[in-house]
């Protein structure tokens, strides 16, 4: 097995933590395209600094804090989240645990999101 020092992982996670300033709830998988995020956005929230720690299985992770009172800005079916720099970069994205119909003007909650870099095999 290859050994990689935690600082190597943490440098990448520091980028995710400092660049990823907005968390979007979207209606489709944004992959790495910022236009897909903005074109399918249902909600957006400013994210606070995450906490870098050991990964749940291995590696390292940064945990984006939970959202307790987010504002829904459009009506649709939420299926994914995306962390962006709010101008051109998708830092990370993933599927929600379940899709959810949302209505503009309502609020939402979201558990903390974990962005993980796994250990090399």
PDB file of N, CA and C in Angstrom:
ATOM      1  N   UNK A   1       0.845  -1.182   0.000  1.00  0.00           N
ATOM      2  CA  UNK A   1       0.000   0.000   0.000  1.00  0.00           C
ATOM      3  C   UNK A   1       0.885   1.238   0.000  1.00  0.00           C
ATOM      4  N   UNK A   2       0.463   2.233  -0.745  1.00  0.00           N
ATOM      5  CA  UNK A   2       1.186   3.498  -0.837  1.00  0.00           C
ATOM      6  C   UNK A   2       0.830   4.363   0.363  1.00  0.00           C
ATOM      7  N   UNK A   3       1.825   5.022   0.955  1.00  0.00           N
ATOM      8  CA  UNK A   3       1.570   5.971   2.044  1.00  0.00           C
ATOM      9  C   UNK A   3       1.572   7.382   1.476  1.00  0.00           C
ATOM     10  N   UNK A   4       0.562   8.168   1.851  1.00  0.00           N
ATOM     11  CA  UNK A   4       0.504   9.582   1.502  1.00  0.00           C
ATOM     12  C   UNK A   4       0.190  10.348   2.782  1.00  0.00           C
ATOM     13  N   UNK A   5       1.022  11.321   3.099  1.00  0.00           N
ATOM     14  CA  UNK A   5       0.857  12.112   4.304  1.00  0.00           C
ATOM     15  C   UNK A   5      -0.467  12.873   4.287  1.00  0.00           C
ATOM     16  N   UNK A   6      -1.095  13.023   5.445  1.00  0.00           N
ATOM     17  CA  UNK A   6      -2.372  13.741   5.546  1.00  0.00           C
ATOM     18  C   UNK A   6      -2.302  15.159   4.978  1.00  0.00           C
ATOM     19  N   UNK A   7      -1.145  15.812   5.068  1.00  0.00           N
ATOM     20  CA  UNK A   7      -1.004  17.180   4.560  1.00  0.00           C
ATOM     21  C   UNK A   7      -1.238  17.258   3.057  1.00  0.00           C
ATOM     22  N   UNK A   8      -0.917  16.193   2.330  1.00  0.00           N
ATOM     23  CA  UNK A   8      -1.172  16.162   0.885  1.00  0.00           C
ATOM     24  C   UNK A   8      -2.677  16.225   0.642  1.00  0.00           C
ATOM     25  N   UNK A   9      -3.423  15.401   1.348  1.00  0.00           N
ATOM     26  CA  UNK A   9      -4.880  15.416   1.226  1.00  0.00           C
ATOM     27  C   UNK A   9      -5.451  16.760   1.692  1.00  0.00           C
ATOM     28  N   UNK A  10      -4.944  17.230   2.822  1.00  0.00           N
ATOM     29  CA  UNK A  10      -5.475  18.459   3.408  1.00  0.00           C
ATOM     30  C   UNK A  10      -5.295  19.658   2.486  1.00  0.00           C
ATOM     31  N   UNK A  11      -4.232  19.680   1.704  1.00  0.00           N
ATOM     32  CA  UNK A  11      -4.034  20.800   0.765  1.00  0.00           C
ATOM     33  C   UNK A  11      -5.170  20.853  -0.249  1.00  0.00           C
ATOM     34  N   UNK A  12      -5.552  19.707  -0.789  1.00  0.00           N
ATOM     35  CA  UNK A  12      -6.685  19.663  -1.716  1.00  0.00           C
ATOM     36  C   UNK A  12      -7.988  20.029  -1.028  1.00  0.00           C
ATOM     37  N   UNK A  13      -8.171  19.547   0.179  1.00  0.00           N
ATOM     38  CA  UNK A  13      -9.388  19.856   0.920  1.00  0.00           C
ATOM     39  C   UNK A  13      -9.430  21.324   1.334  1.00  0.00           C
ATOM     40  N   UNK A  14      -8.261  21.918   1.624  1.00  0.00           N
ATOM     41  CA  UNK A  14      -8.218  23.351   1.930  1.00  0.00           C
ATOM     42  C   UNK A  14      -8.730  24.155   0.741  1.00  0.00           C
ATOM     43  N   UNK A  15      -8.360  23.732  -0.475  1.00  0.00           N
ATOM     44  CA  UNK A  15      -8.855  24.395  -1.683  1.00  0.00           C
ATOM     45  C   UNK A  15     -10.380  24.280  -1.746  1.00  0.00           C
ATOM     46  N   UNK A  16     -10.895  23.089  -1.509  1.00  0.00           N
ATOM     47  CA  UNK A  16     -12.343  22.889  -1.538  1.00  0.00           C
ATOM     48  C   UNK A  16     -13.026  23.751  -0.486  1.00  0.00           C
ATOM     49  N   UNK A  17     -12.422  23.845   0.681  1.00  0.00           N
ATOM     50  CA  UNK A  17     -13.001  24.584   1.790  1.00  0.00           C
ATOM     51  C   UNK A  17     -12.989  26.095   1.543  1.00  0.00           C
ATOM     52  N   UNK A  18     -11.896  26.620   1.005  1.00  0.00           N
ATOM     53  CA  UNK A  18     -11.805  28.067   0.807  1.00  0.00           C
ATOM     54  C   UNK A  18     -12.446  28.523  -0.497  1.00  0.00           C
ATOM     55  N   UNK A  19     -12.467  27.672  -1.518  1.00  0.00           N
ATOM     56  CA  UNK A  19     -13.062  28.035  -2.807  1.00  0.00           C
ATOM     57  C   UNK A  19     -14.559  27.775  -2.810  1.00  0.00           C
ATOM     58  N   UNK A  20     -14.987  26.727  -2.147  1.00  0.00           N
ATOM     59  CA  UNK A  20     -16.406  26.364  -2.124  1.00  0.00           C
ATOM     60  C   UNK A  20     -17.181  27.205  -1.133  1.00  0.00           C
ATOM     61  N   UNK A  21     -17.714  28.331  -1.598  1.00  0.00           N
ATOM     62  CA  UNK A  21     -18.379  29.272  -0.697  1.00  0.00           C
ATOM     63  C   UNK A  21     -19.902  29.237  -0.790  1.00  0.00           C
ATOM     64  N   UNK A  22     -20.445  28.493  -1.770  1.00  0.00           N
ATOM     65  CA  UNK A  22     -21.892  28.405  -1.917  1.00  0.00           C
ATOM     66  C   UNK A  22     -22.302  26.946  -2.082  1.00  0.00           C
ATOM     67  N   UNK A  23     -23.393  26.581  -1.432  1.00  0.00           N
ATOM     68  CA  UNK A  23     -23.957  25.255  -1.606  1.00  0.00           C
ATOM     69  C   UNK A  23     -25.282  25.417  -2.333  1.00  0.00           C
ATOM     70  N   UNK A  24     -25.403  24.756  -3.463  1.00  0.00           N
ATOM     71  CA  UNK A  24     -26.602  24.828  -4.288  1.00  0.00           C
ATOM     72  C   UNK A  24     -27.355  23.506  -4.195  1.00  0.00           C
ATOM     73  N   UNK A  25     -28.664  23.584  -4.208  1.00  0.00           N
ATOM     74  CA  UNK A  25     -29.518  22.416  -4.362  1.00  0.00           C
ATOM     75  C   UNK A  25     -30.033  22.492  -5.800  1.00  0.00           C
ATOM     76  N   UNK A  26     -29.850  21.416  -6.553  1.00  0.00           N
ATOM     77  CA  UNK A  26     -30.173  21.446  -7.979  1.00  0.00           C
ATOM     78  C   UNK A  26     -31.050  20.248  -8.364  1.00  0.00           C
ATOM     79  N   UNK A  27     -31.630  20.336  -9.575  1.00  0.00           N
ATOM     80  CA  UNK A  27     -32.566  19.313 -10.036  1.00  0.00           C
ATOM     81  C   UNK A  27     -31.929  18.279 -10.953  1.00  0.00           C
ATOM     82  N   UNK A  28     -30.629  18.358 -11.167  1.00  0.00           N
ATOM     83  CA  UNK A  28     -29.934  17.386 -12.014  1.00  0.00           C
ATOM     84  C   UNK A  28     -28.484  17.270 -11.578  1.00  0.00           C
ATOM     85  N   UNK A  29     -27.810  16.206 -11.971  1.00  0.00           N
ATOM     86  CA  UNK A  29     -26.405  16.009 -11.627  1.00  0.00           C
ATOM     87  C   UNK A  29     -25.573  17.067 -12.342  1.00  0.00           C
ATOM     88  N   UNK A  30     -24.906  17.962 -11.607  1.00  0.00           N
ATOM     89  CA  UNK A  30     -24.163  19.043 -12.243  1.00  0.00           C
ATOM     90  C   UNK A  30     -22.809  18.622 -12.803  1.00  0.00           C
ATOM     91  N   UNK A  31     -22.364  17.417 -12.525  1.00  0.00           N
ATOM     92  CA  UNK A  31     -21.014  16.956 -12.889  1.00  0.00           C
ATOM     93  C   UNK A  31     -20.025  18.067 -12.583  1.00  0.00           C
ATOM     94  N   UNK A  32     -19.325  18.584 -13.589  1.00  0.00           N
ATOM     95  CA  UNK A  32     -18.345  19.639 -13.321  1.00  0.00           C
ATOM     96  C   UNK A  32     -18.662  20.921 -14.083  1.00  0.00           C
ATOM     97  N   UNK A  33     -19.916  21.103 -14.481  1.00  0.00           N
ATOM     98  CA  UNK A  33     -20.285  22.241 -15.314  1.00  0.00           C
ATOM     99  C   UNK A  33     -21.063  23.268 -14.504  1.00  0.00           C
ATOM    100  N   UNK A  34     -20.469  24.444 -14.300  1.00  0.00           N
ATOM    101  CA  UNK A  34     -21.103  25.490 -13.505  1.00  0.00           C
ATOM    102  C   UNK A  34     -22.445  25.920 -14.102  1.00  0.00           C
ATOM    103  N   UNK A  35     -22.542  25.981 -15.430  1.00  0.00           N
ATOM    104  CA  UNK A  35     -23.800  26.372 -16.076  1.00  0.00           C
ATOM    105  C   UNK A  35     -24.920  25.395 -15.751  1.00  0.00           C
ATOM    106  N   UNK A  36     -24.587  24.124 -15.561  1.00  0.00           N
ATOM    107  CA  UNK A  36     -25.593  23.131 -15.175  1.00  0.00           C
ATOM    108  C   UNK A  36     -26.114  23.432 -13.775  1.00  0.00           C
ATOM    109  N   UNK A  37     -25.234  23.901 -12.907  1.00  0.00           N
ATOM    110  CA  UNK A  37     -25.660  24.260 -11.550  1.00  0.00           C
ATOM    111  C   UNK A  37     -26.624  25.439 -11.612  1.00  0.00           C
ATOM    112  N   UNK A  38     -26.213  26.519 -12.264  1.00  0.00           N
ATOM    113  CA  UNK A  38     -27.047  27.721 -12.270  1.00  0.00           C
ATOM    114  C   UNK A  38     -28.321  27.522 -13.080  1.00  0.00           C
ATOM    115  N   UNK A  39     -28.285  26.706 -14.111  1.00  0.00           N
ATOM    116  CA  UNK A  39     -29.465  26.467 -14.927  1.00  0.00           C
ATOM    117  C   UNK A  39     -30.503  25.576 -14.279  1.00  0.00           C
ATOM    118  N   UNK A  40     -30.101  24.835 -13.242  1.00  0.00           N
ATOM    119  CA  UNK A  40     -31.008  23.883 -12.582  1.00  0.00           C
ATOM    120  C   UNK A  40     -31.104  24.126 -11.081  1.00  0.00           C
ATOM    121  N   UNK A  41     -30.734  25.312 -10.649  1.00  0.00           N
ATOM    122  CA  UNK A  41     -30.684  25.641  -9.235  1.00  0.00           C
ATOM    123  C   UNK A  41     -32.078  25.809  -8.640  1.00  0.00           C
ATOM    124  N   UNK A  42     -32.270  25.186  -7.483  1.00  0.00           N
ATOM    125  CA  UNK A  42     -33.529  25.314  -6.748  1.00  0.00           C
ATOM    126  C   UNK A  42     -33.341  26.072  -5.440  1.00  0.00           C
ATOM    127  N   UNK A  43     -32.119  26.074  -4.918  1.00  0.00           N
ATOM    128  CA  UNK A  43     -31.814  26.765  -3.668  1.00  0.00           C
ATOM    129  C   UNK A  43     -30.321  27.038  -3.619  1.00  0.00           C
ATOM    130  N   UNK A  44     -29.936  28.048  -2.847  1.00  0.00           N
ATOM    131  CA  UNK A  44     -28.520  28.382  -2.674  1.00  0.00           C
ATOM    132  C   UNK A  44     -28.316  28.906  -1.264  1.00  0.00           C
ATOM    133  N   UNK A  45     -27.203  28.539  -0.667  1.00  0.00           N
ATOM    134  CA  UNK A  45     -26.846  29.006   0.672  1.00  0.00           C
ATOM    135  C   UNK A  45     -25.355  29.277   0.738  1.00  0.00           C
ATOM    136  N   UNK A  46     -24.979  30.291   1.495  1.00  0.00           N
ATOM    137  CA  UNK A  46     -23.570  30.544   1.785  1.00  0.00           C
ATOM    138  C   UNK A  46     -23.109  29.439   2.721  1.00  0.00           C
ATOM    139  N   UNK A  47     -21.930  28.881   2.459  1.00  0.00           N
ATOM    140  CA  UNK A  47     -21.403  27.845   3.350  1.00  0.00           C
ATOM    141  C   UNK A  47     -20.329  28.448   4.240  1.00  0.00           C
ATOM    142  N   UNK A  48     -20.247  27.936   5.444  1.00  0.00           N
ATOM    143  CA  UNK A  48     -19.199  28.364   6.349  1.00  0.00           C
ATOM    144  C   UNK A  48     -17.983  27.486   6.152  1.00  0.00           C
ATOM    145  N   UNK A  49     -16.902  27.831   6.813  1.00  0.00           N
ATOM    146  CA  UNK A  49     -15.719  26.987   6.693  1.00  0.00           C
ATOM    147  C   UNK A  49     -15.994  25.594   7.224  1.00  0.00           C
ATOM    148  N   UNK A  50     -15.488  24.612   6.517  1.00  0.00           N
ATOM    149  CA  UNK A  50     -15.669  23.226   6.935  1.00  0.00           C
ATOM    150  C   UNK A  50     -14.604  22.808   7.925  1.00  0.00           C
ATOM    151  N   UNK A  51     -14.738  21.602   8.403  1.00  0.00           N
ATOM    152  CA  UNK A  51     -13.785  21.023   9.338  1.00  0.00           C
ATOM    153  C   UNK A  51     -13.072  19.883   8.622  1.00  0.00           C
ATOM    154  N   UNK A  52     -11.742  19.933   8.547  1.00  0.00           N
ATOM    155  CA  UNK A  52     -10.966  18.867   7.927  1.00  0.00           C
ATOM    156  C   UNK A  52     -10.604  17.846   9.000  1.00  0.00           C
ATOM    157  N   UNK A  53     -10.869  16.575   8.682  1.00  0.00           N
ATOM    158  CA  UNK A  53     -10.672  15.517   9.661  1.00  0.00           C
ATOM    159  C   UNK A  53     -10.399  14.205   8.934  1.00  0.00           C
ATOM    160  N   UNK A  54     -10.195  13.125   9.683  1.00  0.00           N
ATOM    161  CA  UNK A  54     -10.045  11.812   9.074  1.00  0.00           C
ATOM    162  C   UNK A  54     -11.336  11.441   8.342  1.00  0.00           C
ATOM    163  N   UNK A  55     -11.197  10.707   7.232  1.00  0.00           N
ATOM    164  CA  UNK A  55     -12.360  10.234   6.502  1.00  0.00           C
ATOM    165  C   UNK A  55     -13.120   9.193   7.301  1.00  0.00           C
ATOM    166  N   UNK A  56     -14.370   8.973   6.940  1.00  0.00           N
ATOM    167  CA  UNK A  56     -15.199   7.991   7.645  1.00  0.00           C
ATOM    168  C   UNK A  56     -14.642   6.580   7.490  1.00  0.00           C
ATOM    169  N   UNK A  57     -14.069   6.267   6.319  1.00  0.00           N
ATOM    170  CA  UNK A  57     -13.492   4.937   6.068  1.00  0.00           C
ATOM    171  C   UNK A  57     -11.972   5.020   6.082  1.00  0.00           C
ATOM    172  N   UNK A  58     -11.430   5.929   5.286  1.00  0.00           N
ATOM    173  CA  UNK A  58      -9.991   6.194   5.242  1.00  0.00           C
ATOM    174  C   UNK A  58      -9.801   7.551   4.576  1.00  0.00           C
ATOM    175  N   UNK A  59      -8.578   7.960   4.357  1.00  0.00           N
ATOM    176  CA  UNK A  59      -8.317   9.242   3.726  1.00  0.00           C
ATOM    177  C   UNK A  59      -8.645  10.410   4.637  1.00  0.00           C
ATOM    178  N   UNK A  60      -8.960  11.528   4.005  1.00  0.00           N
ATOM    179  CA  UNK A  60      -9.288  12.751   4.739  1.00  0.00           C
ATOM    180  C   UNK A  60     -10.551  13.351   4.147  1.00  0.00           C
ATOM    181  N   UNK A  61     -11.233  14.188   4.914  1.00  0.00           N
ATOM    182  CA  UNK A  61     -12.451  14.819   4.424  1.00  0.00           C
ATOM    183  C   UNK A  61     -12.624  16.195   5.047  1.00  0.00           C
ATOM    184  N   UNK A  62     -13.369  17.020   4.332  1.00  0.00           N
ATOM    185  CA  UNK A  62     -13.830  18.288   4.876  1.00  0.00           C
ATOM    186  C   UNK A  62     -15.349  18.180   4.949  1.00  0.00           C
ATOM    187  N   UNK A  63     -15.898  18.609   6.056  1.00  0.00           N
ATOM    188  CA  UNK A  63     -17.336  18.522   6.266  1.00  0.00           C
ATOM    189  C   UNK A  63     -17.930  19.921   6.143  1.00  0.00           C
ATOM    190  N   UNK A  64     -18.799  20.083   5.141  1.00  0.00           N
ATOM    191  CA  UNK A  64     -19.524  21.342   4.954  1.00  0.00           C
ATOM    192  C   UNK A  64     -20.660  21.344   5.973  1.00  0.00           C
ATOM    193  N   UNK A  65     -20.766  22.404   6.772  1.00  0.00           N
ATOM    194  CA  UNK A  65     -21.771  22.412   7.841  1.00  0.00           C
ATOM    195  C   UNK A  65     -23.204  22.215   7.338  1.00  0.00           C
ATOM    196  N   UNK A  66     -24.034  21.654   8.194  1.00  0.00           N
ATOM    197  CA  UNK A  66     -25.452  21.449   7.890  1.00  0.00           C
ATOM    198  C   UNK A  66     -26.142  22.797   7.677  1.00  0.00           C
ATOM    199  N   UNK A  67     -27.197  22.770   6.880  1.00  0.00           N
ATOM    200  CA  UNK A  67     -28.026  23.948   6.665  1.00  0.00           C
ATOM    201  C   UNK A  67     -29.334  23.712   7.407  1.00  0.00           C
ATOM    202  N   UNK A  68     -29.725  24.675   8.230  1.00  0.00           N
ATOM    203  CA  UNK A  68     -30.927  24.487   9.044  1.00  0.00           C
ATOM    204  C   UNK A  68     -32.104  25.338   8.593  1.00  0.00           C
ATOM    205  N   UNK A  69     -31.861  26.370   7.810  1.00  0.00           N
ATOM    206  CA  UNK A  69     -32.970  27.236   7.372  1.00  0.00           C
ATOM    207  C   UNK A  69     -32.646  27.854   6.014  1.00  0.00           C
ATOM    208  N   UNK A  70     -32.420  27.009   5.025  1.00  0.00           N
ATOM    209  CA  UNK A  70     -32.119  27.493   3.681  1.00  0.00           C
ATOM    210  C   UNK A  70     -33.372  27.948   2.964  1.00  0.00           C
ATOM    211  N   UNK A  71     -33.197  28.842   1.989  1.00  0.00           N
ATOM    212  CA  UNK A  71     -34.331  29.367   1.223  1.00  0.00           C
ATOM    213  C   UNK A  71     -34.412  28.725  -0.150  1.00  0.00           C
ATOM    214  N   UNK A  72     -35.575  28.198  -0.480  1.00  0.00           N
ATOM    215  CA  UNK A  72     -35.810  27.617  -1.801  1.00  0.00           C
ATOM    216  C   UNK A  72     -36.172  28.755  -2.746  1.00  0.00           C
ATOM    217  N   UNK A  73     -35.481  28.814  -3.894  1.00  0.00           N
ATOM    218  CA  UNK A  73     -35.651  29.922  -4.827  1.00  0.00           C
ATOM    219  C   UNK A  73     -36.422  29.548  -6.085  1.00  0.00           C
ATOM    220  N   UNK A  74     -36.693  28.259  -6.296  1.00  0.00           N
ATOM    221  CA  UNK A  74     -37.435  27.807  -7.476  1.00  0.00           C
ATOM    222  C   UNK A  74     -38.178  26.521  -7.131  1.00  0.00           C
ATOM    223  N   UNK A  75     -39.219  26.238  -7.880  1.00  0.00           N
ATOM    224  CA  UNK A  75     -40.009  25.032  -7.670  1.00  0.00           C
ATOM    225  C   UNK A  75     -39.492  23.917  -8.584  1.00  0.00           C
ATOM    226  N   UNK A  76     -39.355  22.709  -8.051  1.00  0.00           N
ATOM    227  CA  UNK A  76     -38.874  21.583  -8.833  1.00  0.00           C
ATOM    228  C   UNK A  76     -38.602  20.392  -7.946  1.00  0.00           C
ATOM    229  N   UNK A  77     -37.858  19.439  -8.476  1.00  0.00           N
ATOM    230  CA  UNK A  77     -37.480  18.251  -7.708  1.00  0.00           C
ATOM    231  C   UNK A  77     -35.983  18.280  -7.453  1.00  0.00           C
ATOM    232  N   UNK A  78     -35.615  18.424  -6.205  1.00  0.00           N
ATOM    233  CA  UNK A  78     -34.206  18.477  -5.812  1.00  0.00           C
ATOM    234  C   UNK A  78     -33.625  17.070  -5.832  1.00  0.00           C
ATOM    235  N   UNK A  79     -32.465  16.913  -6.489  1.00  0.00           N
ATOM    236  CA  UNK A  79     -31.841  15.592  -6.552  1.00  0.00           C
ATOM    237  C   UNK A  79     -30.356  15.604  -6.202  1.00  0.00           C
ATOM    238  N   UNK A  80     -29.700  16.767  -6.293  1.00  0.00           N
ATOM    239  CA  UNK A  80     -28.255  16.845  -6.075  1.00  0.00           C
ATOM    240  C   UNK A  80     -27.884  18.125  -5.324  1.00  0.00           C
ATOM    241  N   UNK A  81     -26.688  18.119  -4.781  1.00  0.00           N
ATOM    242  CA  UNK A  81     -26.091  19.309  -4.200  1.00  0.00           C
ATOM    243  C   UNK A  81     -24.818  19.610  -4.977  1.00  0.00           C
ATOM    244  N   UNK A  82     -24.393  20.857  -4.943  1.00  0.00           N
ATOM    245  CA  UNK A  82     -23.123  21.259  -5.559  1.00  0.00           C
ATOM    246  C   UNK A  82     -22.522  22.373  -4.725  1.00  0.00           C
ATOM    247  N   UNK A  83     -21.244  22.262  -4.447  1.00  0.00           N
ATOM    248  CA  UNK A  83     -20.495  23.326  -3.783  1.00  0.00           C
ATOM    249  C   UNK A  83     -19.710  24.044  -4.872  1.00  0.00           C
ATOM    250  N   UNK A  84     -19.875  25.376  -4.949  1.00  0.00           N
ATOM    251  CA  UNK A  84     -19.222  26.157  -6.004  1.00  0.00           C
ATOM    252  C   UNK A  84     -18.529  27.380  -5.428  1.00  0.00           C
ATOM    253  N   UNK A  85     -17.776  28.055  -6.326  1.00  0.00           N
ATOM    254  CA  UNK A  85     -17.169  29.337  -5.954  1.00  0.00           C
ATOM    255  C   UNK A  85     -18.124  30.494  -6.242  1.00  0.00           C
ATOM    256  N   UNK A  86     -19.326  30.201  -6.685  1.00  0.00           N
ATOM    257  CA  UNK A  86     -20.393  31.144  -7.013  1.00  0.00           C
ATOM    258  C   UNK A  86     -20.086  31.999  -8.239  1.00  0.00           C
ATOM    259  N   UNK A  87     -19.149  31.540  -9.083  1.00  0.00           N
ATOM    260  CA  UNK A  87     -18.926  32.281 -10.327  1.00  0.00           C
ATOM    261  C   UNK A  87     -18.598  31.388 -11.513  1.00  0.00           C
ATOM    262  N   UNK A  88     -17.801  30.306 -11.309  1.00  0.00           N
ATOM    263  CA  UNK A  88     -17.442  29.491 -12.474  1.00  0.00           C
ATOM    264  C   UNK A  88     -16.984  28.070 -12.164  1.00  0.00           C
ATOM    265  N   UNK A  89     -16.736  27.737 -10.913  1.00  0.00           N
ATOM    266  CA  UNK A  89     -16.133  26.448 -10.570  1.00  0.00           C
ATOM    267  C   UNK A  89     -17.080  25.597  -9.725  1.00  0.00           C
ATOM    268  N   UNK A  90     -17.290  24.345 -10.145  1.00  0.00           N
ATOM    269  CA  UNK A  90     -17.946  23.353  -9.299  1.00  0.00           C
ATOM    270  C   UNK A  90     -16.826  22.654  -8.535  1.00  0.00           C
ATOM    271  N   UNK A  91     -16.777  22.863  -7.241  1.00  0.00           N
ATOM    272  CA  UNK A  91     -15.724  22.289  -6.405  1.00  0.00           C
ATOM    273  C   UNK A  91     -16.022  20.821  -6.120  1.00  0.00           C
ATOM    274  N   UNK A  92     -17.274  20.513  -5.823  1.00  0.00           N
ATOM    275  CA  UNK A  92     -17.695  19.144  -5.539  1.00  0.00           C
ATOM    276  C   UNK A  92     -19.204  19.072  -5.704  1.00  0.00           C
ATOM    277  N   UNK A  93     -19.696  17.869  -6.002  1.00  0.00           N
ATOM    278  CA  UNK A  93     -21.143  17.684  -6.110  1.00  0.00           C
ATOM    279  C   UNK A  93     -21.480  16.241  -5.776  1.00  0.00           C
ATOM    280  N   UNK A  94     -22.735  16.001  -5.500  1.00  0.00           N
ATOM    281  CA  UNK A  94     -23.170  14.647  -5.202  1.00  0.00           C
ATOM    282  C   UNK A  94     -24.681  14.553  -5.157  1.00  0.00           C
ATOM    283  N   UNK A  95     -25.168  13.338  -5.103  1.00  0.00           N
ATOM    284  CA  UNK A  95     -26.612  13.096  -5.049  1.00  0.00           C
ATOM    285  C   UNK A  95     -27.117  13.270  -3.622  1.00  0.00           C
ATOM    286  N   UNK A  96     -28.335  13.776  -3.499  1.00  0.00           N
ATOM    287  CA  UNK A  96     -29.002  13.797  -2.207  1.00  0.00           C
ATOM    288  C   UNK A  96     -29.393  12.361  -1.860  1.00  0.00           C
ATOM    289  N   UNK A  97     -29.646  12.070  -0.616  1.00  0.00           N
ATOM    290  CA  UNK A  97     -30.006  10.702  -0.231  1.00  0.00           C
ATOM    291  C   UNK A  97     -31.343  10.280  -0.834  1.00  0.00           C
ATOM    292  N   UNK A  98     -32.196  11.238  -1.143  1.00  0.00           N
ATOM    293  CA  UNK A  98     -33.478  10.971  -1.810  1.00  0.00           C
ATOM    294  C   UNK A  98     -33.895  12.252  -2.525  1.00  0.00           C
ATOM    295  N   UNK A  99     -34.614  12.111  -3.634  1.00  0.00           N
ATOM    296  CA  UNK A  99     -35.136  13.298  -4.304  1.00  0.00           C
ATOM    297  C   UNK A  99     -36.269  13.876  -3.464  1.00  0.00           C
ATOM    298  N   UNK A 100     -36.498  15.168  -3.655  1.00  0.00           N
ATOM    299  CA  UNK A 100     -37.514  15.854  -2.858  1.00  0.00           C
ATOM    300  C   UNK A 100     -38.148  16.955  -3.683  1.00  0.00           C
ATOM    301  N   UNK A 101     -39.477  16.973  -3.763  1.00  0.00           N
ATOM    302  CA  UNK A 101     -40.187  18.078  -4.408  1.00  0.00           C
ATOM    303  C   UNK A 101     -40.071  19.300  -3.507  1.00  0.00           C
ATOM    304  N   UNK A 102     -39.703  20.453  -4.097  1.00  0.00           N
ATOM    305  CA  UNK A 102     -39.552  21.692  -3.333  1.00  0.00           C
ATOM    306  C   UNK A 102     -40.351  22.804  -4.015  1.00  0.00           C
ATOM    307  N   UNK A 103     -40.753  23.787  -3.217  1.00  0.00           N
ATOM    308  CA  UNK A 103     -41.562  24.895  -3.721  1.00  0.00           C
ATOM    309  C   UNK A 103     -40.891  26.215  -3.368  1.00  0.00           C
ATOM    310  N   UNK A 104     -40.783  27.084  -4.367  1.00  0.00           N
ATOM    311  CA  UNK A 104     -40.186  28.402  -4.169  1.00  0.00           C
ATOM    312  C   UNK A 104     -40.845  29.119  -2.995  1.00  0.00           C
ATOM    313  N   UNK A 105     -40.004  29.748  -2.164  1.00  0.00           N
ATOM    314  CA  UNK A 105     -40.492  30.480  -1.006  1.00  0.00           C
ATOM    315  C   UNK A 105     -40.468  29.685   0.281  1.00  0.00           C
ATOM    316  N   UNK A 106     -40.383  28.367   0.175  1.00  0.00           N
ATOM    317  CA  UNK A 106     -40.283  27.526   1.373  1.00  0.00           C
ATOM    318  C   UNK A 106     -38.843  27.477   1.841  1.00  0.00           C
ATOM    319  N   UNK A 107     -38.610  26.803   2.939  1.00  0.00           N
ATOM    320  CA  UNK A 107     -37.250  26.632   3.447  1.00  0.00           C
ATOM    321  C   UNK A 107     -36.859  25.161   3.389  1.00  0.00           C
ATOM    322  N   UNK A 108     -35.560  24.898   3.539  1.00  0.00           N
ATOM    323  CA  UNK A 108     -35.074  23.524   3.523  1.00  0.00           C
ATOM    324  C   UNK A 108     -33.976  23.347   4.560  1.00  0.00           C
ATOM    325  N   UNK A 109     -33.758  22.098   4.919  1.00  0.00           N
ATOM    326  CA  UNK A 109     -32.627  21.721   5.765  1.00  0.00           C
ATOM    327  C   UNK A 109     -31.807  20.696   4.993  1.00  0.00           C
ATOM    328  N   UNK A 110     -30.539  20.620   5.329  1.00  0.00           N
ATOM    329  CA  UNK A 110     -29.647  19.647   4.694  1.00  0.00           C
ATOM    330  C   UNK A 110     -28.602  19.233   5.709  1.00  0.00           C
ATOM    331  N   UNK A 111     -28.431  17.930   5.873  1.00  0.00           N
ATOM    332  CA  UNK A 111     -27.380  17.435   6.761  1.00  0.00           C
ATOM    333  C   UNK A 111     -26.024  17.894   6.253  1.00  0.00           C
ATOM    334  N   UNK A 112     -25.038  17.845   7.113  1.00  0.00           N
ATOM    335  CA  UNK A 112     -23.674  18.187   6.716  1.00  0.00           C
ATOM    336  C   UNK A 112     -23.255  17.339   5.518  1.00  0.00           C
ATOM    337  N   UNK A 113     -22.469  17.924   4.632  1.00  0.00           N
ATOM    338  CA  UNK A 113     -21.979  17.249   3.435  1.00  0.00           C
ATOM    339  C   UNK A 113     -20.494  16.950   3.626  1.00  0.00           C
ATOM    340  N   UNK A 114     -20.096  15.722   3.328  1.00  0.00           N
ATOM    341  CA  UNK A 114     -18.699  15.302   3.468  1.00  0.00           C
ATOM    342  C   UNK A 114     -18.040  15.206   2.098  1.00  0.00           C
ATOM    343  N   UNK A 115     -16.948  15.948   1.913  1.00  0.00           N
ATOM    344  CA  UNK A 115     -16.138  15.877   0.688  1.00  0.00           C
ATOM    345  C   UNK A 115     -14.874  15.115   1.081  1.00  0.00           C
ATOM    346  N   UNK A 116     -14.720  13.909   0.510  1.00  0.00           N
ATOM    347  CA  UNK A 116     -13.675  12.985   0.950  1.00  0.00           C
ATOM    348  C   UNK A 116     -12.662  12.685  -0.138  1.00  0.00           C
ATOM    349  N   UNK A 117     -11.392  12.666   0.231  1.00  0.00           N
ATOM    350  CA  UNK A 117     -10.323  12.156  -0.616  1.00  0.00           C
ATOM    351  C   UNK A 117      -9.864  10.859   0.022  1.00  0.00           C
ATOM    352  N   UNK A 118     -10.084   9.741  -0.669  1.00  0.00           N
ATOM    353  CA  UNK A 118      -9.766   8.420  -0.113  1.00  0.00           C
ATOM    354  C   UNK A 118      -8.266   8.129  -0.217  1.00  0.00           C
ATOM    355  N   UNK A 119      -7.779   7.290   0.671  1.00  0.00           N
ATOM    356  CA  UNK A 119      -6.391   6.831   0.631  1.00  0.00           C
ATOM    357  C   UNK A 119      -6.122   6.060  -0.663  1.00  0.00           C
ATOM    358  N   UNK A 120      -4.886   6.095  -1.098  1.00  0.00           N
ATOM    359  CA  UNK A 120      -4.490   5.321  -2.282  1.00  0.00           C
ATOM    360  C   UNK A 120      -4.531   3.842  -1.921  1.00  0.00           C
ATOM    361  N   UNK A 121      -4.932   3.031  -2.864  1.00  0.00           N
ATOM    362  CA  UNK A 121      -5.000   1.579  -2.616  1.00  0.00           C
ATOM    363  C   UNK A 121      -3.669   0.923  -2.877  1.00  0.00           C
TER     364      UNK A 121
END
